[in-house]
């Protein structure tokens, strides 16, 4: 009787571990494809060549006034949307923002 109970318990533990491993593998797969999709078509753009609406948004937003744009890229994603990915710096802090051609923030 002990052997039957121990065998059943062992089978239960094995099934639980196996199911958990399959669930984790399924959860990481979309993240990897999303990361690959995030590396869409990026074209470097000089900060001074950004559209006026983008420059205005960067200088007029109270939260962004203290930040200085360092690099910018025109990104075209897989869906065909275009936006500007702008890396910014404030002292030692670094950050990034995504704005469309009209200066609206892209999420």
Protein backbone atom coordinates (compact mmCIF):
# COMPACT_ATOMS: atom_id res chain seq x y z
CA UNK A 1 0.00 0.00 0.00
CA UNK A 2 2.87 2.36 0.78
CA UNK A 3 4.34 1.77 -2.67
CA UNK A 4 1.05 2.68 -4.35
CA UNK A 5 0.71 5.90 -2.34
CA UNK A 6 4.34 6.89 -2.95
CA UNK A 7 4.01 6.11 -6.66
CA UNK A 8 0.83 8.20 -6.90
CA UNK A 9 2.50 11.08 -5.05
CA UNK A 10 5.57 10.87 -7.32
CA UNK A 11 3.37 10.90 -10.41
CA UNK A 12 1.49 13.93 -9.06
CA UNK A 13 4.73 15.86 -8.42
CA UNK A 14 6.08 14.97 -11.86
CA UNK A 15 2.85 16.10 -13.57
CA UNK A 16 2.81 19.37 -11.63
CA UNK A 17 6.44 20.20 -12.47
CA UNK A 18 5.95 19.27 -16.11
CA UNK A 19 2.81 21.41 -16.46
CA UNK A 20 4.54 24.36 -14.78
CA UNK A 21 7.52 24.12 -17.15
CA UNK A 22 5.22 24.09 -20.18
CA UNK A 23 3.32 27.14 -18.90
CA UNK A 24 6.52 29.13 -18.37
CA UNK A 25 7.82 28.24 -21.84
CA UNK A 26 4.54 29.39 -23.39
CA UNK A 27 4.69 32.69 -21.50
CA UNK A 28 8.23 33.54 -22.61
CA UNK A 29 7.69 32.83 -26.30
CA UNK A 30 5.47 35.89 -27.02
CA UNK A 31 7.89 38.15 -25.18
CA UNK A 32 10.73 37.05 -27.43
CA UNK A 33 8.72 37.70 -30.58
CA UNK A 34 7.61 41.05 -29.21
CA UNK A 35 11.24 41.97 -28.56
CA UNK A 36 12.11 41.04 -32.12
CA UNK A 37 9.19 43.11 -33.40
CA UNK A 38 10.32 46.04 -31.24
CA UNK A 39 13.47 46.21 -33.32
CA UNK A 40 11.57 47.68 -36.22
CA UNK A 41 12.96 49.91 -38.91
CA UNK A 42 14.94 52.61 -37.05
CA UNK A 43 16.47 55.50 -38.97
CA UNK A 44 18.75 57.93 -37.11
CA UNK A 45 17.57 61.55 -37.18
CA UNK A 46 19.49 64.61 -36.03
CA UNK A 47 17.78 66.26 -33.06
CA UNK A 48 17.78 69.62 -34.85
CA UNK A 49 16.00 68.01 -37.83
CA UNK A 50 12.99 66.82 -35.79
CA UNK A 51 9.61 68.20 -36.95
CA UNK A 52 8.58 71.51 -35.40
CA UNK A 53 5.61 69.90 -33.63
CA UNK A 54 7.96 67.45 -31.90
CA UNK A 55 10.39 70.22 -30.91
CA UNK A 56 7.50 72.29 -29.56
CA UNK A 57 6.19 69.34 -27.53
CA UNK A 58 9.64 68.77 -26.02
CA UNK A 59 10.12 72.42 -25.08
CA UNK A 60 6.58 73.24 -23.91
CA UNK A 61 5.87 70.21 -21.73
CA UNK A 62 6.66 71.14 -18.12
CA UNK A 63 7.92 67.62 -17.37
CA UNK A 64 10.30 67.63 -20.34
CA UNK A 65 11.66 71.20 -20.23
CA UNK A 66 14.62 70.23 -18.04
CA UNK A 67 15.53 67.25 -20.25
CA UNK A 68 17.89 67.58 -23.21
CA UNK A 69 17.36 65.39 -26.29
CA UNK A 70 20.57 63.51 -27.14
CA UNK A 71 19.63 61.16 -29.99
CA UNK A 72 16.55 60.55 -32.08
CA UNK A 73 15.32 57.82 -34.40
CA UNK A 74 12.43 57.67 -36.83
CA UNK A 75 10.83 54.28 -36.16
CA UNK A 76 8.44 52.51 -38.48
CA UNK A 77 6.81 49.57 -36.69
CA UNK A 78 5.39 46.40 -38.18
CA UNK A 79 1.90 47.92 -38.28
CA UNK A 80 3.15 50.79 -40.45
CA UNK A 81 2.99 53.45 -37.73
CA UNK A 82 5.79 56.01 -37.64
CA UNK A 83 7.02 57.77 -34.54
CA UNK A 84 10.16 59.38 -33.18
CA UNK A 85 12.04 57.58 -30.40
CA UNK A 86 13.99 60.29 -28.59
CA UNK A 87 16.61 59.56 -25.96
CA UNK A 88 16.91 62.32 -23.36
CA UNK A 89 19.27 63.27 -20.57
CA UNK A 90 18.91 65.35 -17.40
CA UNK A 91 22.18 65.51 -15.49
CA UNK A 92 23.12 61.87 -14.89
CA UNK A 93 19.58 60.59 -15.50
CA UNK A 94 18.67 59.12 -18.87
CA UNK A 95 15.27 58.47 -20.35
CA UNK A 96 13.38 58.09 -23.60
CA UNK A 97 10.10 59.23 -25.07
CA UNK A 98 8.14 58.30 -28.18
CA UNK A 99 6.34 61.06 -30.07
CA UNK A 100 4.46 61.00 -33.37
CA UNK A 101 5.02 63.63 -36.07
CA UNK A 102 2.38 65.86 -34.43
CA UNK A 103 4.16 65.82 -31.04
CA UNK A 104 1.68 63.45 -29.36
CA UNK A 105 3.09 60.79 -27.06
CA UNK A 106 2.98 57.23 -28.43
CA UNK A 107 2.43 54.34 -26.03
